[in-house]
């Protein structure tokens, strides 16, 4: 019996371990996608284009592919210099087993969904019985916005962050309790959160982590300085571990059209539930916020009632207050928050929901739903409206995937559309009436692999990783234009008859294409990928941080350092 595992006293031989139940629940929740296939709206097309290329490049031996050579019909895209890689690197590992792309997408989503249940159960086990912790973990996996990320928005990287939020909170609690490997787990969990999804990680860094750290420090009777030091060490090491992605992602933004992400459609103020242009009282796109607003309202009601019934239970008051503040941020009643540097890049206020649903499940487990009947009914109605709305949207899109998924897959894979924000700066982008760049409205240059001004291209070869070789004859000094978008990782060489190579300079021309000068005569060139600025530095910082993590783990386990163990 299941109850034997999650709290009963039945015979152990008849029980299923909680891990098996979480895995089975993950399969059940993913069953619509397993049957119908992934959806291809919102980020769904990118998942196909990115996943296919990441899998192919990893099969060729690249550990961390960043440049996607087939995107934009072969012009290429630096997508994974900027996009958090955890989900797609995991997908690449799954694909190494020979699994087809569509199945690999479902398996990877299934993995992170199950992982979210395991990390949530571990977090809840700190203040609940094994049975209640398991139930809370199952509820967290089926939380409305969690499934909405998978089934309506195809925001699979954001969905993977659900698994890391409980891990970070669990690690912080272990640090406060001076338990072994607390600091190490915090560093690892924070790094994984940054590698999973940057906007959710940023919100957690600004809201969840400092709030919970403050609560732990206030709850500490003595040794607050030591606790603050341990938390800081874990956070800094985690930041260093993620530098291989984070440093290039932040430093190389002048080389892409990142400004296109800040049009009206992507401004957080326009999506605030009560005051936004696309909010409940807006004239446009309000239906997109209806379910989220109902879900937020239900969370707020539960939070207020939990606070009133908390008595002297400080953790209940903390999480209730935290939820209420998060809801206020989403409504627009604290408008200045979304003007803060970095926060405006989050784009959508509802991206707080992974942090809210984590806190809500924690609060419900702590209180045991001990609210007056009328309040429980009212909150349940609001939560149900939000859940049903999300499930309706998700179900409609799954039905769409089931009916014409094969055609949509073929369309995206053939076109190789990528995210417009990763095009070279200044590239002409078509936008819709909301200021949102649309991939299908972007015109690409019609040209062969290489074009030379005064001369002829004798031979041009393309390589799977995006490199190219071209043999040309120039009648006079002229310019050669390559069918590659400019990015500062390119390495240009002239190949001599002795097979030696001479490094040359290149530049970005109109339409963001790679160009270089060609002297008179016959010349053979090779354009290949090298290191982009800050890429090696980020790798070195992450390598050093790995060594620090090993050192911290050793000290953390042995308990021989006053900084780590007070």
Protein backbone atom coordinates (compact mmCIF):
# COMPACT_ATOMS: atom_id res chain seq x y z
CA UNK A 1 0.00 0.00 0.00
CA UNK A 2 1.13 3.55 -0.73
CA UNK A 3 0.26 4.63 2.77
CA UNK A 4 2.76 2.10 4.10
CA UNK A 5 5.51 4.13 2.47
CA UNK A 6 4.37 7.65 3.25
CA UNK A 7 3.54 7.20 6.89
CA UNK A 8 1.66 3.99 7.56
CA UNK A 9 2.78 0.96 9.51
CA UNK A 10 2.13 -1.70 6.95
CA UNK A 11 4.57 -4.35 5.89
CA UNK A 12 7.63 -2.94 4.19
CA UNK A 13 7.54 -5.60 1.47
CA UNK A 14 4.28 -4.13 0.14
CA UNK A 15 5.48 -0.56 0.06
CA UNK A 16 6.86 1.50 -2.75
CA UNK A 17 9.75 3.83 -1.97
CA UNK A 18 8.95 7.56 -2.22
CA UNK A 19 11.42 7.93 -5.08
CA UNK A 20 9.42 5.42 -7.12
CA UNK A 21 6.18 7.24 -6.36
CA UNK A 22 7.68 10.57 -7.41
CA UNK A 23 8.97 9.03 -10.65
CA UNK A 24 5.58 7.44 -11.37
CA UNK A 25 3.82 10.75 -10.69
CA UNK A 26 6.24 12.53 -13.04
CA UNK A 27 5.45 10.03 -15.81
CA UNK A 28 1.72 10.52 -15.22
CA UNK A 29 2.03 14.31 -15.38
CA UNK A 30 4.11 14.08 -18.57
CA UNK A 31 1.82 11.50 -20.20
CA UNK A 32 0.01 14.03 -22.47
CA UNK A 33 3.34 15.16 -23.92
CA UNK A 34 4.65 11.61 -24.15
CA UNK A 35 1.58 10.71 -26.22
CA UNK A 36 1.10 13.89 -28.26
CA UNK A 37 4.65 15.20 -28.37
CA UNK A 38 5.98 18.61 -27.22
CA UNK A 39 4.15 21.81 -28.09
CA UNK A 40 5.63 24.24 -30.61
CA UNK A 41 4.23 27.60 -29.58
CA UNK A 42 5.97 30.26 -27.48
CA UNK A 43 9.46 28.74 -26.95
CA UNK A 44 8.56 25.39 -28.50
CA UNK A 45 10.15 26.11 -31.87
CA UNK A 46 13.40 27.19 -30.24
CA UNK A 47 13.43 23.99 -28.21
CA UNK A 48 13.47 22.02 -31.45
CA UNK A 49 16.04 24.15 -33.28
CA UNK A 50 18.33 24.42 -30.25
CA UNK A 51 17.88 20.84 -29.09
CA UNK A 52 18.65 19.35 -32.48
CA UNK A 53 21.89 21.31 -32.83
CA UNK A 54 23.04 20.88 -29.23
CA UNK A 55 22.56 17.12 -29.55
CA UNK A 56 24.44 17.00 -32.87
CA UNK A 57 27.35 19.10 -31.59
CA UNK A 58 27.68 17.04 -28.42
CA UNK A 59 27.77 13.89 -30.52
CA UNK A 60 30.68 15.50 -32.40
CA UNK A 61 32.55 15.90 -29.12
CA UNK A 62 31.70 19.44 -27.97
CA UNK A 63 31.16 19.45 -24.22
CA UNK A 64 29.47 22.86 -24.06
CA UNK A 65 28.19 24.03 -27.48
CA UNK A 66 27.58 27.77 -27.62
CA UNK A 67 27.48 28.66 -31.31
CA UNK A 68 24.62 27.02 -33.25
CA UNK A 69 25.88 26.77 -36.85
CA UNK A 70 22.61 25.79 -38.56
CA UNK A 71 20.45 28.55 -37.07
CA UNK A 72 19.10 31.20 -39.41
CA UNK A 73 19.55 28.95 -42.42
CA UNK A 74 23.28 28.49 -41.80
CA UNK A 75 24.25 32.06 -40.85
CA UNK A 76 24.60 30.80 -37.27
CA UNK A 77 23.63 32.12 -33.85
CA UNK A 78 25.51 32.62 -30.55
CA UNK A 79 22.42 31.52 -28.60
CA UNK A 80 24.19 29.58 -25.86
CA UNK A 81 26.67 32.28 -25.08
CA UNK A 82 23.62 33.91 -23.48
CA UNK A 83 20.93 31.31 -22.78
CA UNK A 84 21.19 29.26 -19.59
CA UNK A 85 22.46 25.84 -20.75
CA UNK A 86 21.47 23.32 -18.05
CA UNK A 87 18.31 21.97 -19.66
CA UNK A 88 19.79 21.68 -23.15
CA UNK A 89 23.09 20.18 -22.02
CA UNK A 90 21.05 17.55 -20.19
CA UNK A 91 19.05 17.01 -23.38
CA UNK A 92 22.33 16.57 -25.27
CA UNK A 93 23.45 13.91 -22.81
CA UNK A 94 20.13 12.11 -23.25
CA UNK A 95 20.54 12.28 -27.03
CA UNK A 96 23.96 10.62 -26.81
CA UNK A 97 22.12 7.38 -26.08
CA UNK A 98 20.59 7.49 -29.56
CA UNK A 99 17.18 8.79 -28.49
CA UNK A 100 15.42 10.90 -31.12
CA UNK A 101 14.99 14.61 -30.49
CA UNK A 102 11.26 14.63 -29.67
CA UNK A 103 11.68 11.78 -27.20
CA UNK A 104 14.79 13.44 -25.73
CA UNK A 105 12.79 16.62 -25.04
CA UNK A 106 10.14 14.66 -23.16
CA UNK A 107 12.70 12.59 -21.25
CA UNK A 108 14.63 15.70 -20.20
CA UNK A 109 11.47 17.46 -19.04
CA UNK A 110 10.47 14.30 -17.21
CA UNK A 111 13.87 14.20 -15.48
CA UNK A 112 13.65 17.76 -14.19
CA UNK A 113 10.01 17.31 -13.17
CA UNK A 114 10.95 14.25 -11.11
CA UNK A 115 14.01 16.04 -9.74
CA UNK A 116 11.80 18.90 -8.54
CA UNK A 117 9.78 16.39 -6.55
CA UNK A 118 12.88 14.88 -4.97
CA UNK A 119 14.39 18.23 -3.96
CA UNK A 120 11.03 19.48 -2.65
CA UNK A 121 10.55 16.33 -0.60
CA UNK A 122 14.02 16.74 0.90
CA UNK A 123 13.19 20.36 1.81
CA UNK A 124 9.78 19.53 3.33
CA UNK A 125 11.20 16.62 5.32
CA UNK A 126 12.92 19.17 7.55
CA UNK A 127 9.61 20.18 9.18
CA UNK A 128 7.03 17.56 8.16
CA UNK A 129 6.46 13.83 8.47
CA UNK A 130 7.64 11.62 5.58
CA UNK A 131 4.05 11.18 4.44
CA UNK A 132 3.22 14.89 4.39
CA UNK A 133 6.58 15.73 2.79
CA UNK A 134 5.85 13.29 -0.02
CA UNK A 135 2.37 14.69 -0.58
CA UNK A 136 3.76 18.21 -0.67
CA UNK A 137 6.40 17.18 -3.19
CA UNK A 138 3.76 15.64 -5.46
CA UNK A 139 1.69 18.83 -5.19
CA UNK A 140 4.74 20.92 -6.08
CA UNK A 141 5.29 18.87 -9.21
CA UNK A 142 1.67 19.46 -10.26
CA UNK A 143 1.57 23.15 -9.30
CA UNK A 144 -0.33 25.19 -11.94
CA UNK A 145 2.48 27.42 -13.16
CA UNK A 146 4.93 24.50 -13.11
CA UNK A 147 2.79 22.58 -15.60
CA UNK A 148 1.95 25.78 -17.46
CA UNK A 149 5.65 26.26 -18.16
CA UNK A 150 5.80 22.83 -19.76
CA UNK A 151 2.47 22.62 -21.54
CA UNK A 152 1.52 26.20 -22.46
CA UNK A 153 4.73 28.23 -22.71
CA UNK A 154 7.18 25.43 -23.59
CA UNK A 155 9.52 27.27 -21.20
CA UNK A 156 11.44 24.11 -20.41
CA UNK A 157 14.54 25.83 -19.05
CA UNK A 158 12.37 27.86 -16.68
CA UNK A 159 10.58 24.68 -15.62
CA UNK A 160 13.92 23.08 -14.78
CA UNK A 161 14.55 25.89 -12.27
CA UNK A 162 11.69 24.48 -10.16
CA UNK A 163 14.06 21.69 -9.15
CA UNK A 164 16.77 24.08 -7.95
CA UNK A 165 14.70 26.44 -5.77
CA UNK A 166 14.06 23.85 -2.98
CA UNK A 167 17.71 22.77 -3.24
CA UNK A 168 18.94 26.28 -2.48
CA UNK A 169 16.54 26.69 0.45
CA UNK A 170 17.47 23.26 1.81
CA UNK A 171 21.16 24.12 1.62
CA UNK A 172 20.64 27.42 3.44
CA UNK A 173 18.80 25.63 6.23
CA UNK A 174 21.60 23.09 6.51
CA UNK A 175 24.12 25.92 6.73
CA UNK A 176 22.16 27.52 9.57
CA UNK A 177 21.93 24.19 11.37
CA UNK A 178 25.69 23.62 10.93
CA UNK A 179 25.02 20.31 9.21
CA UNK A 180 27.65 18.66 7.07
CA UNK A 181 27.98 19.74 3.44
CA UNK A 182 25.60 22.67 3.93
CA UNK A 183 27.93 25.28 2.41
CA UNK A 184 28.92 22.92 -0.41
CA UNK A 185 25.30 22.15 -1.22
CA UNK A 186 24.47 25.86 -1.24
CA UNK A 187 27.27 26.57 -3.72
CA UNK A 188 26.19 23.72 -5.98
CA UNK A 189 22.48 24.51 -5.75
CA UNK A 190 22.95 28.20 -6.47
CA UNK A 191 25.21 27.44 -9.44
CA UNK A 192 22.63 25.02 -10.87
CA UNK A 193 19.90 27.63 -10.43
CA UNK A 194 21.96 30.19 -12.37
CA UNK A 195 22.65 27.61 -15.08
CA UNK A 196 18.98 26.61 -15.25
CA UNK A 197 17.25 29.93 -15.88
CA UNK A 198 18.74 33.38 -15.37
CA UNK A 199 15.54 35.42 -14.77
CA UNK A 200 14.28 33.02 -12.08
CA UNK A 201 17.77 32.93 -10.58
CA UNK A 202 17.86 36.73 -10.52
CA UNK A 203 14.49 36.92 -8.77
CA UNK A 204 15.61 34.30 -6.27
CA UNK A 205 18.81 36.27 -5.66
CA UNK A 206 16.90 39.49 -5.05
CA UNK A 207 13.83 38.13 -3.20
CA UNK A 208 14.03 34.57 -1.86
CA UNK A 209 17.67 34.20 -0.85
CA UNK A 210 18.10 37.50 1.06
CA UNK A 211 14.69 37.14 2.70
CA UNK A 212 15.34 33.60 3.90
CA UNK A 213 18.90 34.48 4.89
CA UNK A 214 17.53 37.37 6.97
CA UNK A 215 15.03 35.05 8.64
CA UNK A 216 17.75 32.54 9.48
CA UNK A 217 19.99 35.28 10.87
CA UNK A 218 17.20 36.71 13.02
CA UNK A 219 16.38 33.21 14.28
CA UNK A 220 20.04 32.62 15.22
CA UNK A 221 20.60 33.28 18.92
CA UNK A 222 24.37 33.46 18.61
CA UNK A 223 27.00 33.29 15.90
CA UNK A 224 25.16 35.44 13.36
CA UNK A 225 28.40 36.68 11.89
CA UNK A 226 29.56 33.12 11.33
CA UNK A 227 26.25 32.17 9.70
CA UNK A 228 26.42 35.20 7.42
CA UNK A 229 29.96 34.23 6.46
CA UNK A 230 28.99 30.65 5.66
CA UNK A 231 26.05 31.76 3.53
CA UNK A 232 28.26 34.26 1.73
CA UNK A 233 30.93 31.65 1.02
CA UNK A 234 28.35 29.29 -0.47
CA UNK A 235 26.87 32.03 -2.64
CA UNK A 236 30.23 33.31 -3.90
CA UNK A 237 31.49 29.82 -4.76
CA UNK A 238 28.19 29.09 -6.52
CA UNK A 239 28.53 32.30 -8.51
CA UNK A 240 32.06 31.28 -9.47
CA UNK A 241 30.94 27.83 -10.56
CA UNK A 242 28.48 29.41 -12.98
CA UNK A 243 31.05 31.90 -14.38
CA UNK A 244 31.70 29.66 -17.40
CA UNK A 245 28.22 30.72 -18.55
CA UNK A 246 27.50 33.88 -16.62
CA UNK A 247 30.54 36.02 -17.40
CA UNK A 248 30.37 35.71 -21.23
CA UNK A 249 26.58 36.03 -21.09
CA UNK A 250 26.80 39.39 -19.36
CA UNK A 251 29.94 40.75 -21.02
CA UNK A 252 29.15 39.91 -24.67
CA UNK A 253 25.70 41.50 -24.88
CA UNK A 254 26.98 44.42 -27.02
CA UNK A 255 27.41 41.86 -29.84
CA UNK A 256 23.70 40.93 -30.03
CA UNK A 257 20.35 42.71 -30.40
CA UNK A 258 19.52 42.46 -26.72
CA UNK A 259 17.77 45.85 -26.86
CA UNK A 260 14.95 44.19 -28.80
CA UNK A 261 13.92 42.41 -25.59
CA UNK A 262 12.81 45.68 -24.02
CA UNK A 263 9.92 46.63 -26.28
CA UNK A 264 6.39 47.08 -24.86
CA UNK A 265 5.67 43.36 -24.93
CA UNK A 266 8.69 42.58 -22.75
CA UNK A 267 8.40 45.37 -20.19
CA UNK A 268 7.40 43.97 -16.77
CA UNK A 269 5.25 47.01 -16.01
CA UNK A 270 2.91 46.09 -18.86
CA UNK A 271 2.18 42.66 -17.37
CA UNK A 272 1.39 43.66 -13.77
CA UNK A 273 -1.95 42.12 -12.85
CA UNK A 274 -3.73 45.29 -11.68
CA UNK A 275 -1.92 48.18 -13.33
CA UNK A 276 -0.33 46.78 -16.49
CA UNK A 277 -1.29 47.45 -20.08
CA UNK A 278 -1.82 43.70 -20.53
CA UNK A 279 -3.21 43.19 -17.00
CA UNK A 280 -6.75 42.45 -15.88
CA UNK A 281 -7.98 45.95 -16.61
CA UNK A 282 -6.02 46.45 -19.79
CA UNK A 283 -7.58 46.50 -23.22
CA UNK A 284 -5.11 44.04 -24.74
CA UNK A 285 -4.01 40.48 -23.99
CA UNK A 286 -5.68 40.51 -20.56
CA UNK A 287 -6.63 36.86 -21.04
CA UNK A 288 -2.95 35.97 -20.65
CA UNK A 289 -2.94 37.26 -17.07
CA UNK A 290 -6.37 36.02 -15.97
CA UNK A 291 -5.24 32.64 -14.68
CA UNK A 292 -2.14 34.07 -13.03
CA UNK A 293 -4.14 36.80 -11.30
CA UNK A 294 -6.62 34.26 -9.90
CA UNK A 295 -3.79 32.03 -8.72
CA UNK A 296 -2.02 34.99 -7.11
CA UNK A 297 -5.22 36.10 -5.37
CA UNK A 298 -5.72 32.63 -3.92
CA UNK A 299 -2.14 32.57 -2.68
CA UNK A 300 -2.60 35.99 -1.06
CA UNK A 301 -5.74 34.88 0.79
CA UNK A 302 -4.02 31.76 2.11
CA UNK A 303 -0.99 33.81 3.15
CA UNK A 304 -3.09 36.35 5.09
CA UNK A 305 -5.06 33.69 6.92
CA UNK A 306 -1.92 31.71 7.69
CA UNK A 307 -0.32 34.83 9.19
CA UNK A 308 -3.37 35.47 11.38
CA UNK A 309 -3.48 31.88 12.59
CA UNK A 310 0.29 31.51 13.02
CA UNK A 311 0.50 32.59 16.65
CA UNK A 312 4.14 32.41 17.69
CA UNK A 313 5.19 30.14 14.82
CA UNK A 314 7.81 32.30 13.18
CA UNK A 315 8.42 30.12 10.08
CA UNK A 316 4.71 30.24 9.22
CA UNK A 317 4.69 34.03 9.55
CA UNK A 318 7.81 34.33 7.46
CA UNK A 319 6.54 32.28 4.52
CA UNK A 320 3.08 33.87 4.70
CA UNK A 321 4.59 37.35 4.61
CA UNK A 322 6.97 36.33 1.84
CA UNK A 323 4.10 35.05 -0.34
CA UNK A 324 2.04 38.17 0.26
CA UNK A 325 4.94 40.44 -0.74
CA UNK A 326 5.56 38.41 -3.90
CA UNK A 327 1.90 38.73 -4.85
CA UNK A 328 2.04 42.48 -4.26
CA UNK A 329 5.02 42.67 -6.61
CA UNK A 330 3.06 40.90 -9.34
CA UNK A 331 0.01 43.15 -8.96
CA UNK A 332 1.86 46.43 -9.48
CA UNK A 333 1.30 47.82 -5.99
CA UNK A 334 5.08 48.08 -5.63
CA UNK A 335 5.82 49.53 -9.10
CA UNK A 336 9.36 50.79 -8.45
CA UNK A 337 10.59 47.21 -8.02
CA UNK A 338 10.38 46.52 -11.74
CA UNK A 339 12.46 49.61 -12.52
CA UNK A 340 15.47 48.31 -10.59
CA UNK A 341 18.60 47.57 -12.67
CA UNK A 342 18.52 43.98 -13.84
CA UNK A 343 14.94 43.37 -12.69
CA UNK A 344 13.53 45.08 -15.77
CA UNK A 345 15.28 42.38 -17.83
CA UNK A 346 13.10 39.71 -16.16
CA UNK A 347 10.40 40.69 -18.69
CA UNK A 348 7.37 39.05 -17.04
CA UNK A 349 6.35 39.53 -13.37
CA UNK A 350 4.74 36.09 -13.33
CA UNK A 351 8.23 34.59 -13.35
CA UNK A 352 8.03 34.99 -9.57
CA UNK A 353 5.58 32.07 -9.57
CA UNK A 354 8.26 29.35 -9.19
CA UNK A 355 9.27 31.08 -5.95
CA UNK A 356 5.63 31.59 -4.90
CA UNK A 357 4.53 28.01 -5.56
CA UNK A 358 7.55 26.72 -3.65
CA UNK A 359 6.64 28.93 -0.69
CA UNK A 360 2.92 28.12 -0.93
CA UNK A 361 3.45 24.36 -0.76
CA UNK A 362 5.84 24.89 2.16
CA UNK A 363 3.27 27.05 3.96
CA UNK A 364 0.43 24.59 3.42
CA UNK A 365 2.57 21.74 4.73
CA UNK A 366 3.53 23.79 7.82
CA UNK A 367 -0.04 24.79 8.63
CA UNK A 368 -1.76 21.57 7.67
CA UNK A 369 -4.58 23.61 6.05
CA UNK A 370 -5.79 24.66 9.48
CA UNK A 371 -7.96 27.57 8.29
CA UNK A 372 -11.65 28.37 8.80
CA UNK A 373 -13.92 26.48 6.42
CA UNK A 374 -15.15 29.58 4.58
CA UNK A 375 -11.62 30.84 4.01
CA UNK A 376 -10.49 27.45 2.77
CA UNK A 377 -13.43 27.37 0.36
CA UNK A 378 -12.75 30.88 -0.96
CA UNK A 379 -9.02 30.27 -1.40
CA UNK A 380 -9.69 26.90 -3.01
CA UNK A 381 -12.05 28.52 -5.52
CA UNK A 382 -9.47 31.11 -6.56
CA UNK A 383 -6.72 28.52 -6.78
CA UNK A 384 -9.01 26.25 -8.77
CA UNK A 385 -9.82 29.04 -11.25
CA UNK A 386 -6.14 29.65 -11.80
CA UNK A 387 -5.39 25.95 -12.15
CA UNK A 388 -8.31 25.29 -14.51
CA UNK A 389 -7.36 28.25 -16.68
CA UNK A 390 -3.78 27.04 -16.95
CA UNK A 391 -4.92 23.47 -17.61
CA UNK A 392 -7.35 24.69 -20.27
CA UNK A 393 -4.62 26.57 -22.11
CA UNK A 394 -2.23 23.67 -21.71
CA UNK A 395 -4.81 21.14 -22.90
CA UNK A 396 -5.66 23.20 -25.97
CA UNK A 397 -2.01 23.41 -26.96
CA UNK A 398 -1.45 19.70 -26.35
CA UNK A 399 -4.42 19.02 -28.61
CA UNK A 400 -2.84 21.24 -31.22
CA UNK A 401 0.43 19.35 -30.92
CA UNK A 402 -1.43 16.05 -31.30
CA UNK A 403 -3.27 17.17 -34.42
CA UNK A 404 -0.48 18.86 -36.40
CA UNK A 405 2.69 18.33 -34.40
CA UNK A 406 4.53 16.62 -37.26
CA UNK A 407 3.92 19.52 -39.63
CA UNK A 408 5.00 22.09 -37.04
CA UNK A 409 8.16 20.12 -36.26
CA UNK A 410 9.04 19.98 -39.96
CA UNK A 411 8.43 23.72 -40.32
CA UNK A 412 10.74 24.75 -37.47
CA UNK A 413 13.46 22.22 -38.26
CA UNK A 414 13.48 23.27 -41.92
CA UNK A 415 13.49 27.02 -41.27
CA UNK A 416 15.97 26.92 -38.37
CA UNK A 417 14.48 30.05 -36.85
CA UNK A 418 16.36 31.21 -33.78
CA UNK A 419 15.67 33.88 -31.15
CA UNK A 420 15.83 37.33 -32.80
CA UNK A 421 17.58 38.88 -29.81
CA UNK A 422 20.73 36.90 -30.67
CA UNK A 423 21.09 38.48 -34.11
CA UNK A 424 23.93 41.02 -34.60
CA UNK A 425 23.27 44.50 -33.21
CA UNK A 426 21.43 46.77 -35.57
CA UNK A 427 20.06 43.91 -37.68
CA UNK A 428 16.67 44.91 -39.13
CA UNK A 429 14.03 43.06 -37.14
CA UNK A 430 10.36 42.84 -37.92
CA UNK A 431 8.12 43.45 -34.91
CA UNK A 432 4.41 42.94 -34.34
CA UNK A 433 1.94 45.49 -32.97
CA UNK A 434 3.22 44.90 -29.41
CA UNK A 435 6.86 45.56 -30.26
CA UNK A 436 7.73 41.88 -30.14
CA UNK A 437 10.40 40.69 -32.63
CA UNK A 438 9.03 37.88 -34.79
CA UNK A 439 11.38 35.34 -36.34
CA UNK A 440 9.14 34.77 -39.34
CA UNK A 441 9.24 38.51 -40.16
CA UNK A 442 13.05 38.60 -40.46
CA UNK A 443 14.56 38.66 -43.94
CA UNK A 444 17.88 36.89 -44.36
CA UNK A 445 20.41 37.77 -47.07
CA UNK A 446 20.16 35.66 -50.22
CA UNK A 447 23.76 34.69 -50.92
CA UNK A 448 26.13 31.74 -51.43
CA UNK A 449 28.73 30.66 -48.88
CA UNK A 450 31.11 33.48 -49.89
CA UNK A 451 30.94 36.53 -52.14
CA UNK A 452 33.97 38.52 -53.37
CA UNK A 453 33.95 41.96 -54.94
CA UNK A 454 36.56 42.00 -57.74
CA UNK A 455 37.36 38.35 -58.37
CA UNK A 456 35.93 34.85 -58.24
CA UNK A 457 35.25 32.25 -55.58
CA UNK A 458 36.99 29.14 -56.90
CA UNK A 459 35.90 26.80 -54.12
CA UNK A 460 33.94 27.10 -50.86
CA UNK A 461 33.48 24.37 -48.24
CA UNK A 462 31.15 24.29 -45.26
CA UNK A 463 31.82 22.31 -42.05
CA UNK A 464 29.30 20.94 -39.51
CA UNK A 465 30.61 23.08 -36.65
CA UNK A 466 30.16 26.32 -38.62
CA UNK A 467 33.71 26.64 -39.94
CA UNK A 468 34.28 27.29 -43.62
CA UNK A 469 37.14 27.31 -46.14
CA UNK A 470 37.17 29.38 -49.29
CA UNK A 471 39.59 29.58 -52.22
CA UNK A 472 39.40 32.85 -54.16
CA UNK A 473 41.20 34.78 -56.85
CA UNK A 474 41.17 38.57 -56.65
CA UNK A 475 41.83 40.81 -59.63
CA UNK A 476 42.63 43.71 -57.30
CA UNK A 477 42.48 44.37 -53.55
CA UNK A 478 38.86 43.75 -52.62
CA UNK A 479 36.54 42.51 -49.87
CA UNK A 480 35.12 39.06 -49.20
CA UNK A 481 31.78 38.56 -47.44
CA UNK A 482 31.15 35.24 -45.67
CA UNK A 483 27.75 33.68 -45.09
CA UNK A 484 28.21 33.91 -41.33
CA UNK A 485 26.86 36.33 -38.77
CA UNK A 486 29.54 38.30 -36.99
CA UNK A 487 30.56 37.32 -33.46
CA UNK A 488 33.94 37.92 -31.80
CA UNK A 489 34.75 34.23 -31.48
CA UNK A 490 35.63 33.81 -35.17
CA UNK A 491 39.25 33.05 -36.06
CA UNK A 492 40.33 33.91 -39.61
CA UNK A 493 43.44 32.32 -41.15
CA UNK A 494 45.05 32.34 -44.56
CA UNK A 495 46.23 28.87 -45.48
CA UNK A 496 49.60 28.78 -47.21
CA UNK A 497 50.82 26.11 -49.58
CA UNK A 498 53.02 24.84 -46.74
CA UNK A 499 49.84 24.20 -44.73
CA UNK A 500 50.84 26.94 -42.29
CA UNK A 501 48.19 29.41 -41.18
CA UNK A 502 48.43 33.16 -40.73
CA UNK A 503 45.90 34.85 -38.45
CA UNK A 504 44.07 37.78 -40.06
CA UNK A 505 41.60 40.40 -38.93
CA UNK A 506 37.95 40.63 -39.90
CA UNK A 507 35.12 43.01 -39.14
CA UNK A 508 31.34 43.31 -39.02
CA UNK A 509 29.75 44.84 -42.07
CA UNK A 510 26.19 45.70 -43.08
CA UNK A 511 23.62 43.07 -42.08
CA UNK A 512 26.04 41.84 -39.41
CA UNK A 513 28.05 39.57 -41.72
CA UNK A 514 31.74 38.65 -41.41
CA UNK A 515 33.93 40.50 -43.92
CA UNK A 516 37.64 40.78 -44.58
CA UNK A 517 40.04 42.32 -47.06
CA UNK A 518 41.59 40.18 -49.80
CA UNK A 519 44.80 41.26 -51.61
CA UNK A 520 45.28 40.71 -55.31
CA UNK A 521 46.03 37.10 -56.29
CA UNK A 522 44.94 33.60 -55.27
CA UNK A 523 44.24 33.02 -51.58
CA UNK A 524 42.79 30.28 -49.43
CA UNK A 525 41.11 31.22 -46.15
CA UNK A 526 39.67 29.32 -43.22
CA UNK A 527 37.12 30.86 -40.87
CA UNK A 528 36.65 28.81 -37.71
CA UNK A 529 35.38 29.18 -34.20
CA UNK A 530 37.80 30.13 -31.45
CA UNK A 531 37.51 31.65 -27.99
CA UNK A 532 35.26 34.65 -27.57
CA UNK A 533 36.35 37.43 -25.19
CA UNK A 534 35.68 36.55 -21.53
CA UNK A 535 35.00 32.91 -22.45
CA UNK A 536 38.35 31.60 -21.26
CA UNK A 537 38.25 33.83 -18.18
CA UNK A 538 34.85 32.42 -17.25
CA UNK A 539 36.14 28.89 -17.68
CA UNK A 540 39.17 29.61 -15.48
CA UNK A 541 36.98 31.12 -12.75
CA UNK A 542 34.69 28.09 -12.83
CA UNK A 543 37.68 25.73 -12.66
CA UNK A 544 39.09 27.59 -9.66
CA UNK A 545 35.63 27.54 -8.06
CA UNK A 546 35.48 23.76 -8.55
CA UNK A 547 38.71 23.46 -6.59
CA UNK A 548 37.28 25.74 -3.92
CA UNK A 549 34.15 23.60 -3.82
CA UNK A 550 36.26 20.50 -3.20
CA UNK A 551 38.15 22.32 -0.47
CA UNK A 552 34.97 23.62 1.14
CA UNK A 553 33.43 20.13 0.93
CA UNK A 554 36.41 18.64 2.71
CA UNK A 555 36.30 21.25 5.48
CA UNK A 556 32.50 21.13 5.55
CA UNK A 557 32.59 17.39 6.17
CA UNK A 558 35.40 17.45 8.71
CA UNK A 559 34.07 20.42 10.67
CA UNK A 560 37.51 21.81 11.35
CA UNK A 561 36.99 25.42 10.31
CA UNK A 562 35.41 28.11 12.46
CA UNK A 563 34.10 30.01 9.44
CA UNK A 564 32.13 27.01 8.21
CA UNK A 565 31.05 25.63 11.56
CA UNK A 566 31.06 28.55 13.93
